[in-house]
Amino acid sequence: MDQAVTTWNQRTTMEQMANIGAEIGRTIKWKPKEKDYAQLAFFRALELLQQTKNDPKNRSKLSELCRLYELLVDWWLGNPVYQSDDQSWEKYFYAFNYTCRINLD
């Protein structure tokens, strides 16, 4: 197994989600300024989400993680199917970041 994957799998699901959220935050930040940077951050978020889906400890959450993937792609492509926006994604991922910060104290 790849060292990066092993390290990723050692993180809690909350930490994994917070890291995905950080990439989505970068995506939102760069979207109006530099589309290429935004796209790189978004693809990194999807890559981390895929690693999270492949993590054995997350098997019971697989359907939710797959739905999250679908929702993020819908948002990035600008499709109105799920009608999510930047603010809803910031709000969603904030909870994971907040929980991780509390657990560090």
PDB file of N, CA and C in Angstrom:
ATOM      1  N   MET A   1       0.843  -1.180   0.000  1.00  0.00           N
ATOM      2  CA  MET A   1       0.000   0.000   0.000  1.00  0.00           C
ATOM      3  C   MET A   1       0.890   1.247   0.000  1.00  0.00           C
ATOM      4  N   ASP A   2       0.496   2.247  -0.735  1.00  0.00           N
ATOM      5  CA  ASP A   2       1.190   3.519  -0.848  1.00  0.00           C
ATOM      6  C   ASP A   2       1.290   4.209   0.515  1.00  0.00           C
ATOM      7  N   GLN A   3       2.428   4.833   0.808  1.00  0.00           N
ATOM      8  CA  GLN A   3       2.642   5.506   2.096  1.00  0.00           C
ATOM      9  C   GLN A   3       1.615   6.614   2.329  1.00  0.00           C
ATOM     10  N   ALA A   4       1.299   7.375   1.276  1.00  0.00           N
ATOM     11  CA  ALA A   4       0.326   8.457   1.423  1.00  0.00           C
ATOM     12  C   ALA A   4      -1.054   7.905   1.794  1.00  0.00           C
ATOM     13  N   VAL A   5      -1.436   6.784   1.187  1.00  0.00           N
ATOM     14  CA  VAL A   5      -2.724   6.156   1.505  1.00  0.00           C
ATOM     15  C   VAL A   5      -2.710   5.635   2.932  1.00  0.00           C
ATOM     16  N   THR A   6      -1.607   5.016   3.345  1.00  0.00           N
ATOM     17  CA  THR A   6      -1.498   4.510   4.713  1.00  0.00           C
ATOM     18  C   THR A   6      -1.647   5.651   5.712  1.00  0.00           C
ATOM     19  N   THR A   7      -0.966   6.760   5.457  1.00  0.00           N
ATOM     20  CA  THR A   7      -1.064   7.926   6.335  1.00  0.00           C
ATOM     21  C   THR A   7      -2.488   8.463   6.353  1.00  0.00           C
ATOM     22  N   TRP A   8      -3.107   8.528   5.194  1.00  0.00           N
ATOM     23  CA  TRP A   8      -4.491   9.025   5.106  1.00  0.00           C
ATOM     24  C   TRP A   8      -5.429   8.126   5.921  1.00  0.00           C
ATOM     25  N   ASN A   9      -5.268   6.832   5.806  1.00  0.00           N
ATOM     26  CA  ASN A   9      -6.133   5.889   6.512  1.00  0.00           C
ATOM     27  C   ASN A   9      -5.931   5.939   8.024  1.00  0.00           C
ATOM     28  N   GLN A  10      -4.807   6.471   8.482  1.00  0.00           N
ATOM     29  CA  GLN A  10      -4.572   6.600   9.919  1.00  0.00           C
ATOM     30  C   GLN A  10      -5.330   7.785  10.512  1.00  0.00           C
ATOM     31  N   ARG A  11      -5.794   8.679   9.676  1.00  0.00           N
ATOM     32  CA  ARG A  11      -6.582   9.821  10.149  1.00  0.00           C
ATOM     33  C   ARG A  11      -7.999   9.352  10.473  1.00  0.00           C
ATOM     34  N   THR A  12      -8.637  10.066  11.389  1.00  0.00           N
ATOM     35  CA  THR A  12     -10.035   9.757  11.675  1.00  0.00           C
ATOM     36  C   THR A  12     -10.886  10.204  10.486  1.00  0.00           C
ATOM     37  N   THR A  13     -12.090   9.703  10.407  1.00  0.00           N
ATOM     38  CA  THR A  13     -12.995  10.125   9.332  1.00  0.00           C
ATOM     39  C   THR A  13     -13.241  11.630   9.422  1.00  0.00           C
ATOM     40  N   MET A  14     -13.365  12.155  10.635  1.00  0.00           N
ATOM     41  CA  MET A  14     -13.561  13.603  10.817  1.00  0.00           C
ATOM     42  C   MET A  14     -12.387  14.378  10.228  1.00  0.00           C
ATOM     43  N   GLU A  15     -11.163  13.908  10.484  1.00  0.00           N
ATOM     44  CA  GLU A  15      -9.978  14.579   9.943  1.00  0.00           C
ATOM     45  C   GLU A  15      -9.937  14.478   8.418  1.00  0.00           C
ATOM     46  N   GLN A  16     -10.316  13.340   7.899  1.00  0.00           N
ATOM     47  CA  GLN A  16     -10.361  13.173   6.448  1.00  0.00           C
ATOM     48  C   GLN A  16     -11.348  14.166   5.839  1.00  0.00           C
ATOM     49  N   MET A  17     -12.530  14.247   6.432  1.00  0.00           N
ATOM     50  CA  MET A  17     -13.557  15.155   5.911  1.00  0.00           C
ATOM     51  C   MET A  17     -13.125  16.617   6.048  1.00  0.00           C
ATOM     52  N   ALA A  18     -12.456  16.955   7.141  1.00  0.00           N
ATOM     53  CA  ALA A  18     -11.967  18.325   7.321  1.00  0.00           C
ATOM     54  C   ALA A  18     -10.944  18.677   6.242  1.00  0.00           C
ATOM     55  N   ASN A  19     -10.093  17.735   5.893  1.00  0.00           N
ATOM     56  CA  ASN A  19      -9.105  17.973   4.839  1.00  0.00           C
ATOM     57  C   ASN A  19      -9.759  18.118   3.474  1.00  0.00           C
ATOM     58  N   ILE A  20     -10.765  17.328   3.214  1.00  0.00           N
ATOM     59  CA  ILE A  20     -11.530  17.473   1.969  1.00  0.00           C
ATOM     60  C   ILE A  20     -12.162  18.861   1.948  1.00  0.00           C
ATOM     61  N   GLY A  21     -12.717  19.258   3.085  1.00  0.00           N
ATOM     62  CA  GLY A  21     -13.334  20.580   3.207  1.00  0.00           C
ATOM     63  C   GLY A  21     -12.347  21.711   2.964  1.00  0.00           C
ATOM     64  N   ALA A  22     -11.110  21.531   3.398  1.00  0.00           N
ATOM     65  CA  ALA A  22     -10.088  22.558   3.150  1.00  0.00           C
ATOM     66  C   ALA A  22      -9.860  22.733   1.653  1.00  0.00           C
ATOM     67  N   GLU A  23      -9.856  21.631   0.925  1.00  0.00           N
ATOM     68  CA  GLU A  23      -9.683  21.722  -0.533  1.00  0.00           C
ATOM     69  C   GLU A  23     -10.901  22.370  -1.196  1.00  0.00           C
ATOM     70  N   ILE A  24     -12.082  22.062  -0.686  1.00  0.00           N
ATOM     71  CA  ILE A  24     -13.285  22.707  -1.225  1.00  0.00           C
ATOM     72  C   ILE A  24     -13.244  24.201  -0.908  1.00  0.00           C
ATOM     73  N   GLY A  25     -12.763  24.556   0.278  1.00  0.00           N
ATOM     74  CA  GLY A  25     -12.600  25.965   0.625  1.00  0.00           C
ATOM     75  C   GLY A  25     -11.652  26.672  -0.338  1.00  0.00           C
ATOM     76  N   ARG A  26     -10.556  26.017  -0.689  1.00  0.00           N
ATOM     77  CA  ARG A  26      -9.626  26.576  -1.672  1.00  0.00           C
ATOM     78  C   ARG A  26     -10.300  26.710  -3.040  1.00  0.00           C
ATOM     79  N   THR A  27     -11.093  25.734  -3.378  1.00  0.00           N
ATOM     80  CA  THR A  27     -11.827  25.783  -4.644  1.00  0.00           C
ATOM     81  C   THR A  27     -12.716  27.021  -4.683  1.00  0.00           C
ATOM     82  N   ILE A  28     -13.455  27.238  -3.612  1.00  0.00           N
ATOM     83  CA  ILE A  28     -14.370  28.389  -3.536  1.00  0.00           C
ATOM     84  C   ILE A  28     -13.581  29.696  -3.592  1.00  0.00           C
ATOM     85  N   LYS A  29     -12.479  29.738  -2.870  1.00  0.00           N
ATOM     86  CA  LYS A  29     -11.653  30.952  -2.829  1.00  0.00           C
ATOM     87  C   LYS A  29     -11.115  31.314  -4.211  1.00  0.00           C
ATOM     88  N   TRP A  30     -10.652  30.309  -4.956  1.00  0.00           N
ATOM     89  CA  TRP A  30     -10.006  30.566  -6.237  1.00  0.00           C
ATOM     90  C   TRP A  30     -10.969  30.641  -7.416  1.00  0.00           C
ATOM     91  N   LYS A  31     -12.185  30.139  -7.241  1.00  0.00           N
ATOM     92  CA  LYS A  31     -13.126  30.087  -8.369  1.00  0.00           C
ATOM     93  C   LYS A  31     -13.308  31.439  -9.077  1.00  0.00           C
ATOM     94  N   PRO A  32     -13.528  32.534  -8.341  1.00  0.00           N
ATOM     95  CA  PRO A  32     -13.723  33.806  -9.054  1.00  0.00           C
ATOM     96  C   PRO A  32     -12.421  34.448  -9.556  1.00  0.00           C
ATOM     97  N   LYS A  33     -11.275  33.998  -9.033  1.00  0.00           N
ATOM     98  CA  LYS A  33     -10.000  34.643  -9.353  1.00  0.00           C
ATOM     99  C   LYS A  33      -9.202  33.882 -10.411  1.00  0.00           C
ATOM    100  N   GLU A  34      -9.018  32.601 -10.158  1.00  0.00           N
ATOM    101  CA  GLU A  34      -8.122  31.800 -11.000  1.00  0.00           C
ATOM    102  C   GLU A  34      -8.718  30.405 -11.153  1.00  0.00           C
ATOM    103  N   LYS A  35      -9.436  30.217 -12.234  1.00  0.00           N
ATOM    104  CA  LYS A  35     -10.170  28.969 -12.469  1.00  0.00           C
ATOM    105  C   LYS A  35      -9.260  27.732 -12.457  1.00  0.00           C
ATOM    106  N   ASP A  36      -8.038  27.862 -12.954  1.00  0.00           N
ATOM    107  CA  ASP A  36      -7.119  26.714 -12.980  1.00  0.00           C
ATOM    108  C   ASP A  36      -6.753  26.257 -11.573  1.00  0.00           C
ATOM    109  N   TYR A  37      -6.477  27.205 -10.677  1.00  0.00           N
ATOM    110  CA  TYR A  37      -6.172  26.856  -9.285  1.00  0.00           C
ATOM    111  C   TYR A  37      -7.386  26.223  -8.613  1.00  0.00           C
ATOM    112  N   ALA A  38      -8.548  26.788  -8.908  1.00  0.00           N
ATOM    113  CA  ALA A  38      -9.788  26.246  -8.340  1.00  0.00           C
ATOM    114  C   ALA A  38      -9.987  24.808  -8.793  1.00  0.00           C
ATOM    115  N   GLN A  39      -9.748  24.550 -10.057  1.00  0.00           N
ATOM    116  CA  GLN A  39      -9.921  23.202 -10.588  1.00  0.00           C
ATOM    117  C   GLN A  39      -8.940  22.226  -9.949  1.00  0.00           C
ATOM    118  N   LEU A  40      -7.696  22.643  -9.758  1.00  0.00           N
ATOM    119  CA  LEU A  40      -6.709  21.776  -9.107  1.00  0.00           C
ATOM    120  C   LEU A  40      -7.141  21.436  -7.679  1.00  0.00           C
ATOM    121  N   ALA A  41      -7.629  22.426  -6.952  1.00  0.00           N
ATOM    122  CA  ALA A  41      -8.094  22.193  -5.578  1.00  0.00           C
ATOM    123  C   ALA A  41      -9.299  21.260  -5.578  1.00  0.00           C
ATOM    124  N   PHE A  42     -10.205  21.456  -6.532  1.00  0.00           N
ATOM    125  CA  PHE A  42     -11.390  20.597  -6.605  1.00  0.00           C
ATOM    126  C   PHE A  42     -11.006  19.152  -6.904  1.00  0.00           C
ATOM    127  N   PHE A  43     -10.110  18.965  -7.855  1.00  0.00           N
ATOM    128  CA  PHE A  43      -9.669  17.604  -8.178  1.00  0.00           C
ATOM    129  C   PHE A  43      -8.955  16.960  -7.005  1.00  0.00           C
ATOM    130  N   ARG A  44      -8.209  17.753  -6.245  1.00  0.00           N
ATOM    131  CA  ARG A  44      -7.547  17.226  -5.045  1.00  0.00           C
ATOM    132  C   ARG A  44      -8.608  16.802  -4.023  1.00  0.00           C
ATOM    133  N   ALA A  45      -9.668  17.580  -3.886  1.00  0.00           N
ATOM    134  CA  ALA A  45     -10.759  17.219  -2.973  1.00  0.00           C
ATOM    135  C   ALA A  45     -11.380  15.886  -3.389  1.00  0.00           C
ATOM    136  N   LEU A  46     -11.598  15.717  -4.682  1.00  0.00           N
ATOM    137  CA  LEU A  46     -12.171  14.455  -5.168  1.00  0.00           C
ATOM    138  C   LEU A  46     -11.212  13.288  -4.936  1.00  0.00           C
ATOM    139  N   GLU A  47      -9.926  13.533  -5.107  1.00  0.00           N
ATOM    140  CA  GLU A  47      -8.923  12.493  -4.864  1.00  0.00           C
ATOM    141  C   GLU A  47      -8.934  12.077  -3.384  1.00  0.00           C
ATOM    142  N   LEU A  48      -8.990  13.058  -2.499  1.00  0.00           N
ATOM    143  CA  LEU A  48      -9.050  12.747  -1.065  1.00  0.00           C
ATOM    144  C   LEU A  48     -10.349  12.032  -0.708  1.00  0.00           C
ATOM    145  N   LEU A  49     -11.435  12.443  -1.338  1.00  0.00           N
ATOM    146  CA  LEU A  49     -12.713  11.781  -1.089  1.00  0.00           C
ATOM    147  C   LEU A  49     -12.660  10.326  -1.562  1.00  0.00           C
ATOM    148  N   GLN A  50     -12.013  10.088  -2.685  1.00  0.00           N
ATOM    149  CA  GLN A  50     -11.867   8.711  -3.173  1.00  0.00           C
ATOM    150  C   GLN A  50     -11.052   7.874  -2.198  1.00  0.00           C
ATOM    151  N   GLN A  51      -9.980   8.449  -1.657  1.00  0.00           N
ATOM    152  CA  GLN A  51      -9.190   7.729  -0.658  1.00  0.00           C
ATOM    153  C   GLN A  51     -10.014   7.454   0.596  1.00  0.00           C
ATOM    154  N   THR A  52     -10.868   8.398   0.957  1.00  0.00           N
ATOM    155  CA  THR A  52     -11.747   8.216   2.114  1.00  0.00           C
ATOM    156  C   THR A  52     -12.740   7.088   1.856  1.00  0.00           C
ATOM    157  N   LYS A  53     -13.272   7.031   0.640  1.00  0.00           N
ATOM    158  CA  LYS A  53     -14.188   5.948   0.281  1.00  0.00           C
ATOM    159  C   LYS A  53     -13.491   4.595   0.322  1.00  0.00           C
ATOM    160  N   ASN A  54     -12.207   4.562  -0.034  1.00  0.00           N
ATOM    161  CA  ASN A  54     -11.459   3.307  -0.061  1.00  0.00           C
ATOM    162  C   ASN A  54     -10.941   2.876   1.305  1.00  0.00           C
ATOM    163  N   ASP A  55     -11.016   3.748   2.279  1.00  0.00           N
ATOM    164  CA  ASP A  55     -10.527   3.439   3.628  1.00  0.00           C
ATOM    165  C   ASP A  55     -11.460   2.401   4.266  1.00  0.00           C
ATOM    166  N   PRO A  56     -10.934   1.253   4.687  1.00  0.00           N
ATOM    167  CA  PRO A  56     -11.786   0.192   5.246  1.00  0.00           C
ATOM    168  C   PRO A  56     -12.663   0.625   6.418  1.00  0.00           C
ATOM    169  N   LYS A  57     -12.184   1.572   7.233  1.00  0.00           N
ATOM    170  CA  LYS A  57     -12.993   1.980   8.387  1.00  0.00           C
ATOM    171  C   LYS A  57     -14.261   2.743   7.974  1.00  0.00           C
ATOM    172  N   ASN A  58     -14.309   3.187   6.721  1.00  0.00           N
ATOM    173  CA  ASN A  58     -15.452   3.980   6.255  1.00  0.00           C
ATOM    174  C   ASN A  58     -16.471   3.167   5.454  1.00  0.00           C
ATOM    175  N   ARG A  59     -16.351   1.851   5.485  1.00  0.00           N
ATOM    176  CA  ARG A  59     -17.278   1.019   4.689  1.00  0.00           C
ATOM    177  C   ARG A  59     -18.746   1.282   5.029  1.00  0.00           C
ATOM    178  N   SER A  60     -19.017   1.501   6.297  1.00  0.00           N
ATOM    179  CA  SER A  60     -20.417   1.725   6.698  1.00  0.00           C
ATOM    180  C   SER A  60     -20.932   3.085   6.221  1.00  0.00           C
ATOM    181  N   LYS A  61     -20.038   3.952   5.801  1.00  0.00           N
ATOM    182  CA  LYS A  61     -20.410   5.292   5.342  1.00  0.00           C
ATOM    183  C   LYS A  61     -20.317   5.421   3.822  1.00  0.00           C
ATOM    184  N   LEU A  62     -20.107   4.327   3.157  1.00  0.00           N
ATOM    185  CA  LEU A  62     -19.839   4.359   1.725  1.00  0.00           C
ATOM    186  C   LEU A  62     -20.954   5.023   0.920  1.00  0.00           C
ATOM    187  N   SER A  63     -22.200   4.735   1.221  1.00  0.00           N
ATOM    188  CA  SER A  63     -23.282   5.341   0.434  1.00  0.00           C
ATOM    189  C   SER A  63     -23.311   6.862   0.602  1.00  0.00           C
ATOM    190  N   GLU A  64     -23.059   7.345   1.832  1.00  0.00           N
ATOM    191  CA  GLU A  64     -23.032   8.792   2.057  1.00  0.00           C
ATOM    192  C   GLU A  64     -21.854   9.440   1.337  1.00  0.00           C
ATOM    193  N   LEU A  65     -20.703   8.752   1.359  1.00  0.00           N
ATOM    194  CA  LEU A  65     -19.517   9.295   0.697  1.00  0.00           C
ATOM    195  C   LEU A  65     -19.699   9.313  -0.823  1.00  0.00           C
ATOM    196  N   CYS A  66     -20.356   8.306  -1.352  1.00  0.00           N
ATOM    197  CA  CYS A  66     -20.643   8.285  -2.794  1.00  0.00           C
ATOM    198  C   CYS A  66     -21.607   9.409  -3.161  1.00  0.00           C
ATOM    199  N   ARG A  67     -22.601   9.632  -2.325  1.00  0.00           N
ATOM    200  CA  ARG A  67     -23.544  10.727  -2.581  1.00  0.00           C
ATOM    201  C   ARG A  67     -22.828  12.068  -2.501  1.00  0.00           C
ATOM    202  N   LEU A  68     -21.918  12.226  -1.535  1.00  0.00           N
ATOM    203  CA  LEU A  68     -21.140  13.458  -1.421  1.00  0.00           C
ATOM    204  C   LEU A  68     -20.349  13.701  -2.702  1.00  0.00           C
ATOM    205  N   TYR A  69     -19.738  12.675  -3.229  1.00  0.00           N
ATOM    206  CA  TYR A  69     -18.981  12.776  -4.485  1.00  0.00           C
ATOM    207  C   TYR A  69     -19.889  13.288  -5.603  1.00  0.00           C
ATOM    208  N   GLU A  70     -21.056  12.678  -5.696  1.00  0.00           N
ATOM    209  CA  GLU A  70     -22.032  13.061  -6.722  1.00  0.00           C
ATOM    210  C   GLU A  70     -22.460  14.519  -6.570  1.00  0.00           C
ATOM    211  N   LEU A  71     -22.720  14.940  -5.333  1.00  0.00           N
ATOM    212  CA  LEU A  71     -23.150  16.312  -5.072  1.00  0.00           C
ATOM    213  C   LEU A  71     -22.049  17.323  -5.397  1.00  0.00           C
ATOM    214  N   LEU A  72     -20.811  16.984  -5.041  1.00  0.00           N
ATOM    215  CA  LEU A  72     -19.704  17.892  -5.333  1.00  0.00           C
ATOM    216  C   LEU A  72     -19.491  18.060  -6.833  1.00  0.00           C
ATOM    217  N   VAL A  73     -19.559  16.964  -7.569  1.00  0.00           N
ATOM    218  CA  VAL A  73     -19.384  17.051  -9.024  1.00  0.00           C
ATOM    219  C   VAL A  73     -20.520  17.870  -9.632  1.00  0.00           C
ATOM    220  N   ASP A  74     -21.728  17.671  -9.164  1.00  0.00           N
ATOM    221  CA  ASP A  74     -22.882  18.435  -9.644  1.00  0.00           C
ATOM    222  C   ASP A  74     -22.652  19.931  -9.400  1.00  0.00           C
ATOM    223  N   TRP A  75     -22.179  20.265  -8.211  1.00  0.00           N
ATOM    224  CA  TRP A  75     -21.905  21.668  -7.867  1.00  0.00           C
ATOM    225  C   TRP A  75     -20.821  22.245  -8.770  1.00  0.00           C
ATOM    226  N   TRP A  76     -19.718  21.510  -8.940  1.00  0.00           N
ATOM    227  CA  TRP A  76     -18.608  22.013  -9.741  1.00  0.00           C
ATOM    228  C   TRP A  76     -19.025  22.236 -11.200  1.00  0.00           C
ATOM    229  N   LEU A  77     -19.815  21.329 -11.727  1.00  0.00           N
ATOM    230  CA  LEU A  77     -20.247  21.449 -13.124  1.00  0.00           C
ATOM    231  C   LEU A  77     -21.345  22.488 -13.326  1.00  0.00           C
ATOM    232  N   GLY A  78     -21.885  22.990 -12.222  1.00  0.00           N
ATOM    233  CA  GLY A  78     -22.912  24.013 -12.319  1.00  0.00           C
ATOM    234  C   GLY A  78     -24.278  23.476 -12.677  1.00  0.00           C
ATOM    235  N   ASN A  79     -24.478  22.179 -12.497  1.00  0.00           N
ATOM    236  CA  ASN A  79     -25.781  21.587 -12.778  1.00  0.00           C
ATOM    237  C   ASN A  79     -26.764  21.949 -11.672  1.00  0.00           C
ATOM    238  N   PRO A  80     -27.992  22.203 -12.020  1.00  0.00           N
ATOM    239  CA  PRO A  80     -28.979  22.601 -11.012  1.00  0.00           C
ATOM    240  C   PRO A  80     -29.702  21.434 -10.339  1.00  0.00           C
ATOM    241  N   VAL A  81     -29.216  20.220 -10.536  1.00  0.00           N
ATOM    242  CA  VAL A  81     -29.940  19.062 -10.014  1.00  0.00           C
ATOM    243  C   VAL A  81     -30.093  19.157  -8.495  1.00  0.00           C
ATOM    244  N   TYR A  82     -28.999  19.402  -7.781  1.00  0.00           N
ATOM    245  CA  TYR A  82     -29.042  19.441  -6.319  1.00  0.00           C
ATOM    246  C   TYR A  82     -29.032  20.857  -5.762  1.00  0.00           C
ATOM    247  N   GLN A  83     -28.773  21.824  -6.601  1.00  0.00           N
ATOM    248  CA  GLN A  83     -28.827  23.239  -6.257  1.00  0.00           C
ATOM    249  C   GLN A  83     -27.998  23.611  -5.030  1.00  0.00           C
ATOM    250  N   SER A  84     -26.817  23.034  -4.907  1.00  0.00           N
ATOM    251  CA  SER A  84     -25.935  23.443  -3.823  1.00  0.00           C
ATOM    252  C   SER A  84     -25.140  24.670  -4.288  1.00  0.00           C
ATOM    253  N   ASP A  85     -24.647  25.420  -3.331  1.00  0.00           N
ATOM    254  CA  ASP A  85     -23.866  26.604  -3.659  1.00  0.00           C
ATOM    255  C   ASP A  85     -22.647  26.670  -2.744  1.00  0.00           C
ATOM    256  N   ASP A  86     -21.804  27.658  -2.987  1.00  0.00           N
ATOM    257  CA  ASP A  86     -20.569  27.800  -2.214  1.00  0.00           C
ATOM    258  C   ASP A  86     -20.858  27.878  -0.717  1.00  0.00           C
ATOM    259  N   GLN A  87     -21.833  28.660  -0.357  1.00  0.00           N
ATOM    260  CA  GLN A  87     -22.152  28.852   1.060  1.00  0.00           C
ATOM    261  C   GLN A  87     -22.595  27.540   1.726  1.00  0.00           C
ATOM    262  N   SER A  88     -23.370  26.745   1.043  1.00  0.00           N
ATOM    263  CA  SER A  88     -23.825  25.484   1.640  1.00  0.00           C
ATOM    264  C   SER A  88     -22.643  24.524   1.847  1.00  0.00           C
ATOM    265  N   TRP A  89     -21.663  24.545   0.943  1.00  0.00           N
ATOM    266  CA  TRP A  89     -20.491  23.682   1.109  1.00  0.00           C
ATOM    267  C   TRP A  89     -19.595  24.180   2.229  1.00  0.00           C
ATOM    268  N   GLU A  90     -19.446  25.487   2.355  1.00  0.00           N
ATOM    269  CA  GLU A  90     -18.661  26.030   3.475  1.00  0.00           C
ATOM    270  C   GLU A  90     -19.298  25.645   4.802  1.00  0.00           C
ATOM    271  N   LYS A  91     -20.591  25.749   4.863  1.00  0.00           N
ATOM    272  CA  LYS A  91     -21.329  25.395   6.078  1.00  0.00           C
ATOM    273  C   LYS A  91     -21.199  23.901   6.394  1.00  0.00           C
ATOM    274  N   TYR A  92     -21.329  23.068   5.387  1.00  0.00           N
ATOM    275  CA  TYR A  92     -21.242  21.624   5.565  1.00  0.00           C
ATOM    276  C   TYR A  92     -19.876  21.212   6.113  1.00  0.00           C
ATOM    277  N   PHE A  93     -18.822  21.697   5.488  1.00  0.00           N
ATOM    278  CA  PHE A  93     -17.482  21.277   5.895  1.00  0.00           C
ATOM    279  C   PHE A  93     -16.997  21.971   7.161  1.00  0.00           C
ATOM    280  N   TYR A  94     -17.594  23.106   7.499  1.00  0.00           N
ATOM    281  CA  TYR A  94     -17.207  23.802   8.726  1.00  0.00           C
ATOM    282  C   TYR A  94     -17.370  22.894   9.939  1.00  0.00           C
ATOM    283  N   ALA A  95     -18.424  22.105   9.959  1.00  0.00           N
ATOM    284  CA  ALA A  95     -18.692  21.219  11.101  1.00  0.00           C
ATOM    285  C   ALA A  95     -17.541  20.231  11.327  1.00  0.00           C
ATOM    286  N   PHE A  96     -16.972  19.716  10.275  1.00  0.00           N
ATOM    287  CA  PHE A  96     -15.856  18.778  10.411  1.00  0.00           C
ATOM    288  C   PHE A  96     -14.606  19.485  10.933  1.00  0.00           C
ATOM    289  N   ASN A  97     -14.333  20.667  10.390  1.00  0.00           N
ATOM    290  CA  ASN A  97     -13.183  21.440  10.854  1.00  0.00           C
ATOM    291  C   ASN A  97     -13.345  21.838  12.318  1.00  0.00           C
ATOM    292  N   TYR A  98     -14.526  22.269  12.671  1.00  0.00           N
ATOM    293  CA  TYR A  98     -14.801  22.679  14.055  1.00  0.00           C
ATOM    294  C   TYR A  98     -14.612  21.505  15.019  1.00  0.00           C
ATOM    295  N   THR A  99     -15.143  20.360  14.658  1.00  0.00           N
ATOM    296  CA  THR A  99     -15.016  19.170  15.503  1.00  0.00           C
ATOM    297  C   THR A  99     -13.549  18.772  15.686  1.00  0.00           C
ATOM    298  N   CYS A 100     -12.780  18.829  14.613  1.00  0.00           N
ATOM    299  CA  CYS A 100     -11.356  18.493  14.703  1.00  0.00           C
ATOM    300  C   CYS A 100     -10.620  19.468  15.610  1.00  0.00           C
ATOM    301  N   ARG A 101     -10.950  20.728  15.510  1.00  0.00           N
ATOM    302  CA  ARG A 101     -10.289  21.738  16.364  1.00  0.00           C
ATOM    303  C   ARG A 101     -10.626  21.541  17.828  1.00  0.00           C
ATOM    304  N   ILE A 102     -11.875  21.214  18.115  1.00  0.00           N
ATOM    305  CA  ILE A 102     -12.271  20.965  19.499  1.00  0.00           C
ATOM    306  C   ILE A 102     -11.511  19.773  20.068  1.00  0.00           C
ATOM    307  N   ASN A 103     -11.364  18.740  19.262  1.00  0.00           N
ATOM    308  CA  ASN A 103     -10.689  17.525  19.716  1.00  0.00           C
ATOM    309  C   ASN A 103      -9.188  17.724  19.909  1.00  0.00           C
ATOM    310  N   LEU A 104      -8.613  18.788  19.319  1.00  0.00           N
ATOM    311  CA  LEU A 104      -7.199  19.068  19.499  1.00  0.00           C
ATOM    312  C   LEU A 104      -6.924  19.730  20.840  1.00  0.00           C
ATOM    313  N   ASP A 105      -7.917  20.430  21.362  1.00  0.00           N
ATOM    314  CA  ASP A 105      -7.744  21.136  22.650  1.00  0.00           C
ATOM    315  C   ASP A 105      -7.727  20.198  23.822  1.00  0.00           C
TER     316      ASP A 105
END
